[in-house]
C-alpha cells in the first residue's frame, strides 16, 4: 500500500466522516466542541436570523407580534441562544412560539428551560410528540440510553404534515420528513431580499445514524419507506436559501465568512441544496443495500 494511497484514504475519511456523524450519537456532545461553541448571531435575510452555536443551528424569525425560535438545542444551550437573541436587539422573553427540527437531545433538550423562561407555546410534529413529552424515552433508537435523554416538555400544539405556523404576518410550513426520527420536520418559509422572494428550506435531518436498522426494524418497521419518502419530499421543495438543523449541512462557517465580507447572497445556494440531498439519498440507499444484502446472506 503506497503512501499516496494511504493519504488519499485519510483525506476521504476526514471529508466524509463529519457528514455521517453530524447528527446525534451518544458521545457527540462530549466530543464535538462546535455544539457548544458560541457563534456570532447575524441576519440571514429579511426577518430571519441565526442564533445557534458553531454547529447546532437555531433560527429566530422576528414578527410584529413576537418571535419564533426554531431549535432549543442542548440542555445547556438556552443561555447561549438568549445571548445571541439579545445581541441582535430582541428580547428573549418575546419568543412566542418554539419549534424544533426533530426530537433528539441536540435539538430539543433546551426546550423546557426556554418554555419556562419565555412562556412560549411549543409546536411539535405529531410523531415526535411522545418523544418530547417523555424526555426521549419514547425514541425508537435511543430511548433506553440515559445519556440521550433530556428534560420532558409539554407540547401545546400537535403539528401534522403540511400544517402552517403563523405569527405577525409570517407563515412557515411544516413538512414531515421522517426517518431520522418519526417526526423529523423540514421547515419552509419565504423571505424577501433586494426585492426578490426567496424560498427558504431548513432541513430537519436526512441522515441514517450509526446503528439505525433499516431492514426488519421491529420497533420502526416503516423506517426505510419513511426515509425514501423524505428524499422525495426534499427533492420537490423549491429552494433558494439552504439551511439546516446542523451548520455542517449547509456550510455555515464558510458561508458566514462570505456574508461577513459583504456577500449578502452567501446563503443562496440552490445547487448546494440539490447536491446535499442527492448525496444523502445515495448514502441512505447504499446503507439500505448493505443491510438488505447482509440479511439475504443470513436467510
C-alpha atoms as a PDB file:
ATOM      1  CA  UNK A   1       0.000   0.000   0.000  1.00  0.00           C
ATOM      2  CA  UNK A   2       1.642   3.251  -1.160  1.00  0.00           C
ATOM      3  CA  UNK A   3       1.933   6.373   0.948  1.00  0.00           C
ATOM      4  CA  UNK A   4      -0.127   8.250  -1.646  1.00  0.00           C
ATOM      5  CA  UNK A   5      -2.903   5.677  -1.391  1.00  0.00           C
ATOM      6  CA  UNK A   6      -2.938   5.835   2.404  1.00  0.00           C
ATOM      7  CA  UNK A   7      -3.001   9.619   2.281  1.00  0.00           C
ATOM      8  CA  UNK A   8      -5.928   9.501  -0.152  1.00  0.00           C
ATOM      9  CA  UNK A   9      -7.890   7.242   2.162  1.00  0.00           C
ATOM     10  CA  UNK A  10      -7.238   9.576   5.072  1.00  0.00           C
ATOM     11  CA  UNK A  11      -8.437  12.575   3.075  1.00  0.00           C
ATOM     12  CA  UNK A  12     -11.671  10.804   2.126  1.00  0.00           C
ATOM     13  CA  UNK A  13     -12.169   9.709   5.733  1.00  0.00           C
ATOM     14  CA  UNK A  14     -11.714  13.240   7.063  1.00  0.00           C
ATOM     15  CA  UNK A  15     -14.056  14.772   4.473  1.00  0.00           C
ATOM     16  CA  UNK A  16     -16.811  12.198   4.723  1.00  0.00           C
ATOM     17  CA  UNK A  17     -16.828  11.488   8.462  1.00  0.00           C
ATOM     18  CA  UNK A  18     -18.408  14.799   9.535  1.00  0.00           C
ATOM     19  CA  UNK A  19     -21.318  14.268   7.146  1.00  0.00           C
ATOM     20  CA  UNK A  20     -22.157  10.846   8.565  1.00  0.00           C
ATOM     21  CA  UNK A  21     -21.750  11.886  12.196  1.00  0.00           C
ATOM     22  CA  UNK A  22     -23.272  15.387  12.008  1.00  0.00           C
ATOM     23  CA  UNK A  23     -26.304  14.156  13.908  1.00  0.00           C
ATOM     24  CA  UNK A  24     -26.693  12.802  17.375  1.00  0.00           C
ATOM     25  CA  UNK A  25     -24.625   9.884  18.665  1.00  0.00           C
ATOM     26  CA  UNK A  26     -24.214   9.021  22.341  1.00  0.00           C
ATOM     27  CA  UNK A  27     -20.824  10.711  22.679  1.00  0.00           C
ATOM     28  CA  UNK A  28     -21.329  13.655  20.309  1.00  0.00           C
ATOM     29  CA  UNK A  29     -21.978  16.336  22.914  1.00  0.00           C
ATOM     30  CA  UNK A  30     -18.747  15.464  24.686  1.00  0.00           C
ATOM     31  CA  UNK A  31     -16.634  15.108  21.560  1.00  0.00           C
ATOM     32  CA  UNK A  32     -17.927  17.920  19.320  1.00  0.00           C
ATOM     33  CA  UNK A  33     -16.923  21.277  20.795  1.00  0.00           C
ATOM     34  CA  UNK A  34     -18.725  23.110  17.985  1.00  0.00           C
ATOM     35  CA  UNK A  35     -22.016  22.110  19.592  1.00  0.00           C
ATOM     36  CA  UNK A  36     -21.346  24.493  22.484  1.00  0.00           C
ATOM     37  CA  UNK A  37     -19.018  26.939  20.728  1.00  0.00           C
ATOM     38  CA  UNK A  38     -20.542  30.460  20.598  1.00  0.00           C
ATOM     39  CA  UNK A  39     -21.120  31.753  17.086  1.00  0.00           C
ATOM     40  CA  UNK A  40     -21.897  35.327  16.026  1.00  0.00           C
ATOM     41  CA  UNK A  41     -25.616  35.990  15.723  1.00  0.00           C
ATOM     42  CA  UNK A  42     -26.483  37.567  12.388  1.00  0.00           C
ATOM     43  CA  UNK A  43     -29.279  38.398   9.994  1.00  0.00           C
ATOM     44  CA  UNK A  44     -29.509  35.810   7.229  1.00  0.00           C
ATOM     45  CA  UNK A  45     -32.180  37.588   5.191  1.00  0.00           C
ATOM     46  CA  UNK A  46     -35.285  39.643   5.810  1.00  0.00           C
ATOM     47  CA  UNK A  47     -36.561  38.848   9.300  1.00  0.00           C
ATOM     48  CA  UNK A  48     -34.630  35.549   9.600  1.00  0.00           C
ATOM     49  CA  UNK A  49     -31.631  35.383  11.944  1.00  0.00           C
ATOM     50  CA  UNK A  50     -29.066  32.790  13.038  1.00  0.00           C
ATOM     51  CA  UNK A  51     -28.818  32.400  16.840  1.00  0.00           C
ATOM     52  CA  UNK A  52     -27.223  28.968  17.216  1.00  0.00           C
ATOM     53  CA  UNK A  53     -23.761  27.651  18.063  1.00  0.00           C
ATOM     54  CA  UNK A  54     -20.869  26.693  15.793  1.00  0.00           C
ATOM     55  CA  UNK A  55     -22.816  23.656  14.564  1.00  0.00           C
ATOM     56  CA  UNK A  56     -26.172  23.326  16.347  1.00  0.00           C
ATOM     57  CA  UNK A  57     -28.383  25.644  14.356  1.00  0.00           C
ATOM     58  CA  UNK A  58     -31.107  27.790  15.899  1.00  0.00           C
ATOM     59  CA  UNK A  59     -33.117  30.300  13.912  1.00  0.00           C
ATOM     60  CA  UNK A  60     -35.028  33.378  15.030  1.00  0.00           C
ATOM     61  CA  UNK A  61     -37.874  34.822  12.997  1.00  0.00           C
ATOM     62  CA  UNK A  62     -38.947  38.315  14.006  1.00  0.00           C
ATOM     63  CA  UNK A  63     -42.547  39.430  13.522  1.00  0.00           C
ATOM     64  CA  UNK A  64     -44.588  42.411  14.734  1.00  0.00           C
ATOM     65  CA  UNK A  65     -46.392  40.041  17.128  1.00  0.00           C
ATOM     66  CA  UNK A  66     -43.285  38.470  18.663  1.00  0.00           C
ATOM     67  CA  UNK A  67     -40.534  35.976  17.868  1.00  0.00           C
ATOM     68  CA  UNK A  68     -40.459  32.409  16.566  1.00  0.00           C
ATOM     69  CA  UNK A  69     -37.497  30.233  17.582  1.00  0.00           C
ATOM     70  CA  UNK A  70     -36.533  27.043  15.767  1.00  0.00           C
ATOM     71  CA  UNK A  71     -34.479  24.599  17.889  1.00  0.00           C
ATOM     72  CA  UNK A  72     -33.609  24.852  21.574  1.00  0.00           C
ATOM     73  CA  UNK A  73     -30.574  22.549  21.177  1.00  0.00           C
ATOM     74  CA  UNK A  74     -28.748  21.132  24.211  1.00  0.00           C
ATOM     75  CA  UNK A  75     -29.890  21.459  27.813  1.00  0.00           C
ATOM     76  CA  UNK A  76     -27.047  23.959  28.245  1.00  0.00           C
ATOM     77  CA  UNK A  77     -27.878  25.945  25.080  1.00  0.00           C
ATOM     78  CA  UNK A  78     -30.603  28.388  26.238  1.00  0.00           C
ATOM     79  CA  UNK A  79     -28.071  30.788  27.782  1.00  0.00           C
ATOM     80  CA  UNK A  80     -26.130  30.904  24.503  1.00  0.00           C
ATOM     81  CA  UNK A  81     -29.327  31.363  22.493  1.00  0.00           C
ATOM     82  CA  UNK A  82     -30.516  34.108  24.838  1.00  0.00           C
ATOM     83  CA  UNK A  83     -27.235  35.966  24.452  1.00  0.00           C
ATOM     84  CA  UNK A  84     -27.478  35.690  20.662  1.00  0.00           C
ATOM     85  CA  UNK A  85     -31.081  36.902  20.602  1.00  0.00           C
ATOM     86  CA  UNK A  86     -30.308  39.867  22.824  1.00  0.00           C
ATOM     87  CA  UNK A  87     -27.171  40.761  20.837  1.00  0.00           C
ATOM     88  CA  UNK A  88     -29.479  41.348  17.874  1.00  0.00           C
ATOM     89  CA  UNK A  89     -31.558  43.805  19.875  1.00  0.00           C
ATOM     90  CA  UNK A  90     -34.503  41.497  20.588  1.00  0.00           C
ATOM     91  CA  UNK A  91     -35.935  40.442  23.934  1.00  0.00           C
ATOM     92  CA  UNK A  92     -35.629  36.760  24.737  1.00  0.00           C
ATOM     93  CA  UNK A  93     -38.975  36.888  26.540  1.00  0.00           C
ATOM     94  CA  UNK A  94     -40.649  37.969  23.286  1.00  0.00           C
ATOM     95  CA  UNK A  95     -40.340  34.421  21.932  1.00  0.00           C
ATOM     96  CA  UNK A  96     -43.957  33.376  21.371  1.00  0.00           C
ATOM     97  CA  UNK A  97     -43.548  30.070  19.502  1.00  0.00           C
ATOM     98  CA  UNK A  98     -40.884  27.374  19.845  1.00  0.00           C
ATOM     99  CA  UNK A  99     -40.392  24.846  17.030  1.00  0.00           C
ATOM    100  CA  UNK A 100     -37.862  22.044  16.506  1.00  0.00           C
ATOM    101  CA  UNK A 101     -36.313  20.121  13.632  1.00  0.00           C
ATOM    102  CA  UNK A 102     -36.611  16.772  15.401  1.00  0.00           C
ATOM    103  CA  UNK A 103     -36.802  15.208  18.846  1.00  0.00           C
ATOM    104  CA  UNK A 104     -33.161  14.427  19.614  1.00  0.00           C
ATOM    105  CA  UNK A 105     -31.452  15.951  22.603  1.00  0.00           C
ATOM    106  CA  UNK A 106     -29.137  18.109  20.496  1.00  0.00           C
ATOM    107  CA  UNK A 107     -32.143  19.978  19.087  1.00  0.00           C
ATOM    108  CA  UNK A 108     -34.762  19.946  21.841  1.00  0.00           C
ATOM    109  CA  UNK A 109     -33.112  19.375  25.243  1.00  0.00           C
ATOM    110  CA  UNK A 110     -33.200  23.108  25.981  1.00  0.00           C
ATOM    111  CA  UNK A 111     -36.930  23.405  25.326  1.00  0.00           C
ATOM    112  CA  UNK A 112     -38.100  23.040  28.937  1.00  0.00           C
ATOM    113  CA  UNK A 113     -35.890  25.932  30.042  1.00  0.00           C
ATOM    114  CA  UNK A 114     -36.880  28.190  27.146  1.00  0.00           C
ATOM    115  CA  UNK A 115     -40.577  27.490  27.684  1.00  0.00           C
ATOM    116  CA  UNK A 116     -40.254  28.263  31.374  1.00  0.00           C
ATOM    117  CA  UNK A 117     -38.352  31.496  30.788  1.00  0.00           C
ATOM    118  CA  UNK A 118     -40.428  32.835  27.876  1.00  0.00           C
ATOM    119  CA  UNK A 119     -43.875  31.209  28.327  1.00  0.00           C
ATOM    120  CA  UNK A 120     -43.791  30.454  24.603  1.00  0.00           C
ATOM    121  CA  UNK A 121     -46.054  27.857  23.029  1.00  0.00           C
ATOM    122  CA  UNK A 122     -44.398  24.638  21.885  1.00  0.00           C
ATOM    123  CA  UNK A 123     -45.401  23.213  18.489  1.00  0.00           C
ATOM    124  CA  UNK A 124     -44.112  19.723  17.552  1.00  0.00           C
ATOM    125  CA  UNK A 125     -44.791  17.288  14.688  1.00  0.00           C
ATOM    126  CA  UNK A 126     -47.232  14.566  15.775  1.00  0.00           C
ATOM    127  CA  UNK A 127     -44.892  11.569  15.630  1.00  0.00           C
ATOM    128  CA  UNK A 128     -42.240  13.331  17.739  1.00  0.00           C
ATOM    129  CA  UNK A 129     -44.651  14.463  20.467  1.00  0.00           C
ATOM    130  CA  UNK A 130     -44.318  11.263  22.584  1.00  0.00           C
ATOM    131  CA  UNK A 131     -40.523  11.591  22.457  1.00  0.00           C
ATOM    132  CA  UNK A 132     -40.546  15.238  23.511  1.00  0.00           C
ATOM    133  CA  UNK A 133     -43.053  14.697  26.310  1.00  0.00           C
ATOM    134  CA  UNK A 134     -41.219  11.602  27.633  1.00  0.00           C
ATOM    135  CA  UNK A 135     -37.839  13.327  27.609  1.00  0.00           C
ATOM    136  CA  UNK A 136     -36.542  10.974  24.927  1.00  0.00           C
ATOM    137  CA  UNK A 137     -37.730   7.704  26.471  1.00  0.00           C
ATOM    138  CA  UNK A 138     -40.123   7.044  23.574  1.00  0.00           C
ATOM    139  CA  UNK A 139     -37.409   7.361  20.913  1.00  0.00           C
ATOM    140  CA  UNK A 140     -37.193   4.258  18.722  1.00  0.00           C
ATOM    141  CA  UNK A 141     -33.386   4.142  18.797  1.00  0.00           C
ATOM    142  CA  UNK A 142     -32.133   5.930  21.908  1.00  0.00           C
ATOM    143  CA  UNK A 143     -34.985   5.635  24.397  1.00  0.00           C
ATOM    144  CA  UNK A 144     -33.119   3.232  26.680  1.00  0.00           C
ATOM    145  CA  UNK A 145     -29.846   5.192  26.692  1.00  0.00           C
ATOM    146  CA  UNK A 146     -29.620   7.513  29.721  1.00  0.00           C
ATOM    147  CA  UNK A 147     -27.107   9.848  28.052  1.00  0.00           C
ATOM    148  CA  UNK A 148     -29.591  10.534  25.247  1.00  0.00           C
ATOM    149  CA  UNK A 149     -32.461  11.645  27.478  1.00  0.00           C
ATOM    150  CA  UNK A 150     -33.455  15.219  28.234  1.00  0.00           C
ATOM    151  CA  UNK A 151     -35.971  17.193  30.322  1.00  0.00           C
ATOM    152  CA  UNK A 152     -39.541  16.491  29.181  1.00  0.00           C
ATOM    153  CA  UNK A 153     -41.586  19.406  27.877  1.00  0.00           C
ATOM    154  CA  UNK A 154     -45.312  19.892  27.326  1.00  0.00           C
ATOM    155  CA  UNK A 155     -46.436  20.298  23.720  1.00  0.00           C
ATOM    156  CA  UNK A 156     -49.114  22.949  23.177  1.00  0.00           C
ATOM    157  CA  UNK A 157     -49.920  22.220  19.534  1.00  0.00           C
ATOM    158  CA  UNK A 158     -49.550  18.937  17.691  1.00  0.00           C
ATOM    159  CA  UNK A 159     -48.485  19.540  14.102  1.00  0.00           C
ATOM    160  CA  UNK A 160     -49.245  17.430  11.052  1.00  0.00           C
ATOM    161  CA  UNK A 161     -47.620  17.257   7.648  1.00  0.00           C
ATOM    162  CA  UNK A 162     -48.334  20.432   5.707  1.00  0.00           C
ATOM    163  CA  UNK A 163     -49.525  22.471   8.684  1.00  0.00           C
ATOM    164  CA  UNK A 164     -48.830  26.183   8.733  1.00  0.00           C
ATOM    165  CA  UNK A 165     -47.448  28.106  11.682  1.00  0.00           C
ATOM    166  CA  UNK A 166     -48.277  31.812  11.527  1.00  0.00           C
ATOM    167  CA  UNK A 167     -47.428  34.816  13.664  1.00  0.00           C
ATOM    168  CA  UNK A 168     -47.473  38.506  12.851  1.00  0.00           C
ATOM    169  CA  UNK A 169     -47.938  38.028   9.124  1.00  0.00           C
ATOM    170  CA  UNK A 170     -45.184  35.398   8.808  1.00  0.00           C
ATOM    171  CA  UNK A 171     -46.040  31.820   7.838  1.00  0.00           C
ATOM    172  CA  UNK A 172     -43.899  28.695   7.980  1.00  0.00           C
ATOM    173  CA  UNK A 173     -44.874  25.292   6.599  1.00  0.00           C
ATOM    174  CA  UNK A 174     -44.077  22.048   8.431  1.00  0.00           C
ATOM    175  CA  UNK A 175     -43.071  19.186   6.122  1.00  0.00           C
ATOM    176  CA  UNK A 176     -42.921  15.709   7.645  1.00  0.00           C
ATOM    177  CA  UNK A 177     -39.569  14.261   6.526  1.00  0.00           C
ATOM    178  CA  UNK A 178     -39.410  11.224   8.787  1.00  0.00           C
ATOM    179  CA  UNK A 179     -36.722   8.565   9.111  1.00  0.00           C
ATOM    180  CA  UNK A 180     -34.088  10.188  11.302  1.00  0.00           C
ATOM    181  CA  UNK A 181     -36.905  10.414  13.836  1.00  0.00           C
ATOM    182  CA  UNK A 182     -40.518   9.547  13.254  1.00  0.00           C
ATOM    183  CA  UNK A 183     -41.433  13.233  13.274  1.00  0.00           C
ATOM    184  CA  UNK A 184     -38.424  14.914  11.684  1.00  0.00           C
ATOM    185  CA  UNK A 185     -39.614  18.242  10.319  1.00  0.00           C
ATOM    186  CA  UNK A 186     -38.282  20.327   7.466  1.00  0.00           C
ATOM    187  CA  UNK A 187     -39.417  23.936   7.662  1.00  0.00           C
ATOM    188  CA  UNK A 188     -40.031  26.211   4.693  1.00  0.00           C
ATOM    189  CA  UNK A 189     -40.824  29.903   4.514  1.00  0.00           C
ATOM    190  CA  UNK A 190     -40.409  32.834   2.162  1.00  0.00           C
ATOM    191  CA  UNK A 191     -38.070  35.758   2.729  1.00  0.00           C
ATOM    192  CA  UNK A 192     -37.573  38.973   0.797  1.00  0.00           C
ATOM    193  CA  UNK A 193     -34.127  40.211  -0.134  1.00  0.00           C
ATOM    194  CA  UNK A 194     -33.408  43.077  -2.515  1.00  0.00           C
ATOM    195  CA  UNK A 195     -36.908  42.860  -3.930  1.00  0.00           C
ATOM    196  CA  UNK A 196     -36.636  39.125  -4.559  1.00  0.00           C
ATOM    197  CA  UNK A 197     -38.785  36.468  -2.905  1.00  0.00           C
ATOM    198  CA  UNK A 198     -36.561  33.661  -1.627  1.00  0.00           C
ATOM    199  CA  UNK A 199     -37.693  30.128  -0.859  1.00  0.00           C
ATOM    200  CA  UNK A 200     -36.012  29.095   2.400  1.00  0.00           C
ATOM    201  CA  UNK A 201     -35.617  25.413   3.334  1.00  0.00           C
ATOM    202  CA  UNK A 202     -34.436  24.411   6.820  1.00  0.00           C
ATOM    203  CA  UNK A 203     -33.648  20.698   6.503  1.00  0.00           C
ATOM    204  CA  UNK A 204     -34.607  18.586   9.540  1.00  0.00           C
ATOM    205  CA  UNK A 205     -32.200  15.671   9.033  1.00  0.00           C
ATOM    206  CA  UNK A 206     -31.755  13.196   6.162  1.00  0.00           C
ATOM    207  CA  UNK A 207     -29.110  11.158   7.977  1.00  0.00           C
ATOM    208  CA  UNK A 208     -29.041   7.452   8.807  1.00  0.00           C
ATOM    209  CA  UNK A 209     -27.262   7.408  12.160  1.00  0.00           C
ATOM    210  CA  UNK A 210     -24.796   4.652  13.087  1.00  0.00           C
ATOM    211  CA  UNK A 211     -26.765   1.696  14.421  1.00  0.00           C
ATOM    212  CA  UNK A 212     -30.017   2.531  12.618  1.00  0.00           C
ATOM    213  CA  UNK A 213     -31.673  -0.657  11.425  1.00  0.00           C
ATOM    214  CA  UNK A 214     -33.289  -0.092   8.023  1.00  0.00           C
ATOM    215  CA  UNK A 215     -34.230  -3.743   7.424  1.00  0.00           C
ATOM    216  CA  UNK A 216     -36.546  -5.764   9.700  1.00  0.00           C
ATOM    217  CA  UNK A 217     -36.788  -2.979  12.253  1.00  0.00           C
ATOM    218  CA  UNK A 218     -39.394  -4.333  14.654  1.00  0.00           C
ATOM    219  CA  UNK A 219     -39.695  -1.048  16.555  1.00  0.00           C
ATOM    220  CA  UNK A 220     -39.911   1.214  13.495  1.00  0.00           C
ATOM    221  CA  UNK A 221     -40.984  -1.083  10.613  1.00  0.00           C
ATOM    222  CA  UNK A 222     -41.502   1.724   8.061  1.00  0.00           C
ATOM    223  CA  UNK A 223     -38.171   3.457   8.640  1.00  0.00           C
ATOM    224  CA  UNK A 224     -36.793   2.739   5.155  1.00  0.00           C
ATOM    225  CA  UNK A 225     -40.039   3.798   3.487  1.00  0.00           C
ATOM    226  CA  UNK A 226     -40.048   6.981   5.562  1.00  0.00           C
ATOM    227  CA  UNK A 227     -36.503   7.844   4.518  1.00  0.00           C
ATOM    228  CA  UNK A 228     -37.396   7.239   0.868  1.00  0.00           C
ATOM    229  CA  UNK A 229     -40.441   9.470   1.234  1.00  0.00           C
ATOM    230  CA  UNK A 230     -38.316  12.140   2.894  1.00  0.00           C
ATOM    231  CA  UNK A 231     -35.969  12.321  -0.080  1.00  0.00           C
ATOM    232  CA  UNK A 232     -38.924  12.589  -2.464  1.00  0.00           C
ATOM    233  CA  UNK A 233     -40.307  15.482  -0.399  1.00  0.00           C
ATOM    234  CA  UNK A 234     -36.957  17.275  -0.166  1.00  0.00           C
ATOM    235  CA  UNK A 235     -36.423  16.918  -3.910  1.00  0.00           C
ATOM    236  CA  UNK A 236     -39.826  18.502  -4.562  1.00  0.00           C
ATOM    237  CA  UNK A 237     -39.274  21.623  -2.459  1.00  0.00           C
ATOM    238  CA  UNK A 238     -38.285  24.839  -4.224  1.00  0.00           C
ATOM    239  CA  UNK A 239     -35.117  26.084  -2.546  1.00  0.00           C
ATOM    240  CA  UNK A 240     -33.148  29.286  -2.929  1.00  0.00           C
ATOM    241  CA  UNK A 241     -31.739  29.543   0.593  1.00  0.00           C
ATOM    242  CA  UNK A 242     -30.363  26.283   2.017  1.00  0.00           C
ATOM    243  CA  UNK A 243     -30.265  25.946   5.815  1.00  0.00           C
ATOM    244  CA  UNK A 244     -30.500  23.010   8.222  1.00  0.00           C
ATOM    245  CA  UNK A 245     -30.517  21.679  11.768  1.00  0.00           C
ATOM    246  CA  UNK A 246     -26.704  21.477  11.785  1.00  0.00           C
ATOM    247  CA  UNK A 247     -24.394  24.101  10.367  1.00  0.00           C
ATOM    248  CA  UNK A 248     -22.401  21.309   8.768  1.00  0.00           C
ATOM    249  CA  UNK A 249     -25.304  20.515   6.437  1.00  0.00           C
ATOM    250  CA  UNK A 250     -25.042  23.801   4.557  1.00  0.00           C
ATOM    251  CA  UNK A 251     -21.516  25.075   5.192  1.00  0.00           C
ATOM    252  CA  UNK A 252     -22.373  27.616   7.880  1.00  0.00           C
ATOM    253  CA  UNK A 253     -18.860  28.755   8.683  1.00  0.00           C
ATOM    254  CA  UNK A 254     -17.676  29.172   5.107  1.00  0.00           C
ATOM    255  CA  UNK A 255     -20.853  30.984   4.065  1.00  0.00           C
ATOM    256  CA  UNK A 256     -20.834  33.185   7.153  1.00  0.00           C
ATOM    257  CA  UNK A 257     -17.318  34.337   6.288  1.00  0.00           C
ATOM    258  CA  UNK A 258     -18.530  35.321   2.830  1.00  0.00           C
ATOM    259  CA  UNK A 259     -21.536  37.058   4.409  1.00  0.00           C
ATOM    260  CA  UNK A 260     -19.222  38.879   6.815  1.00  0.00           C
ATOM    261  CA  UNK A 261     -17.102  40.013   3.859  1.00  0.00           C
ATOM    262  CA  UNK A 262     -20.172  41.639   2.319  1.00  0.00           C
ATOM    263  CA  UNK A 263     -21.749  38.874   0.245  1.00  0.00           C
ATOM    264  CA  UNK A 264     -25.384  39.067   1.352  1.00  0.00           C
ATOM    265  CA  UNK A 265     -26.288  36.283  -1.060  1.00  0.00           C
ATOM    266  CA  UNK A 266     -23.869  33.817   0.568  1.00  0.00           C
ATOM    267  CA  UNK A 267     -26.674  31.563   1.820  1.00  0.00           C
ATOM    268  CA  UNK A 268     -28.472  31.474  -1.522  1.00  0.00           C
ATOM    269  CA  UNK A 269     -27.396  28.047  -2.707  1.00  0.00           C
ATOM    270  CA  UNK A 270     -29.978  26.002  -4.651  1.00  0.00           C
ATOM    271  CA  UNK A 271     -27.260  23.907  -6.279  1.00  0.00           C
ATOM    272  CA  UNK A 272     -25.711  23.133  -2.902  1.00  0.00           C
ATOM    273  CA  UNK A 273     -29.106  22.072  -1.602  1.00  0.00           C
ATOM    274  CA  UNK A 274     -29.688  19.682  -4.506  1.00  0.00           C
ATOM    275  CA  UNK A 275     -26.196  18.236  -4.209  1.00  0.00           C
ATOM    276  CA  UNK A 276     -26.535  17.698  -0.454  1.00  0.00           C
ATOM    277  CA  UNK A 277     -29.913  15.982  -0.749  1.00  0.00           C
ATOM    278  CA  UNK A 278     -28.672  13.737  -3.571  1.00  0.00           C
ATOM    279  CA  UNK A 279     -25.528  12.777  -1.642  1.00  0.00           C
ATOM    280  CA  UNK A 280     -27.568  11.951   1.481  1.00  0.00           C
ATOM    281  CA  UNK A 281     -30.038   9.957  -0.616  1.00  0.00           C
ATOM    282  CA  UNK A 282     -27.212   7.913  -2.119  1.00  0.00           C
ATOM    283  CA  UNK A 283     -25.768   7.307   1.362  1.00  0.00           C
ATOM    284  CA  UNK A 284     -29.173   6.053   2.556  1.00  0.00           C
ATOM    285  CA  UNK A 285     -29.610   3.795  -0.473  1.00  0.00           C
ATOM    286  CA  UNK A 286     -26.115   2.366  -0.047  1.00  0.00           C
ATOM    287  CA  UNK A 287     -26.773   1.556   3.615  1.00  0.00           C
ATOM    288  CA  UNK A 288     -30.150   0.029   2.740  1.00  0.00           C
ATOM    289  CA  UNK A 289     -28.480  -2.200   0.114  1.00  0.00           C
ATOM    290  CA  UNK A 290     -25.766  -3.221   2.565  1.00  0.00           C
ATOM    291  CA  UNK A 291     -28.288  -4.227   5.211  1.00  0.00           C
ATOM    292  CA  UNK A 292     -30.555  -5.980   2.686  1.00  0.00           C
ATOM    293  CA  UNK A 293     -27.642  -7.976   1.293  1.00  0.00           C
ATOM    294  CA  UNK A 294     -26.494  -8.920   4.797  1.00  0.00           C
ATOM    295  CA  UNK A 295     -29.993 -10.143   5.612  1.00  0.00           C
ATOM    296  CA  UNK A 296     -30.070 -12.169   2.380  1.00  0.00           C
ATOM    297  CA  UNK A 297     -26.833 -13.911   3.341  1.00  0.00           C
ATOM    298  CA  UNK A 298     -28.266 -14.786   6.756  1.00  0.00           C
ATOM    299  CA  UNK A 299     -31.589 -16.111   5.366  1.00  0.00           C
END
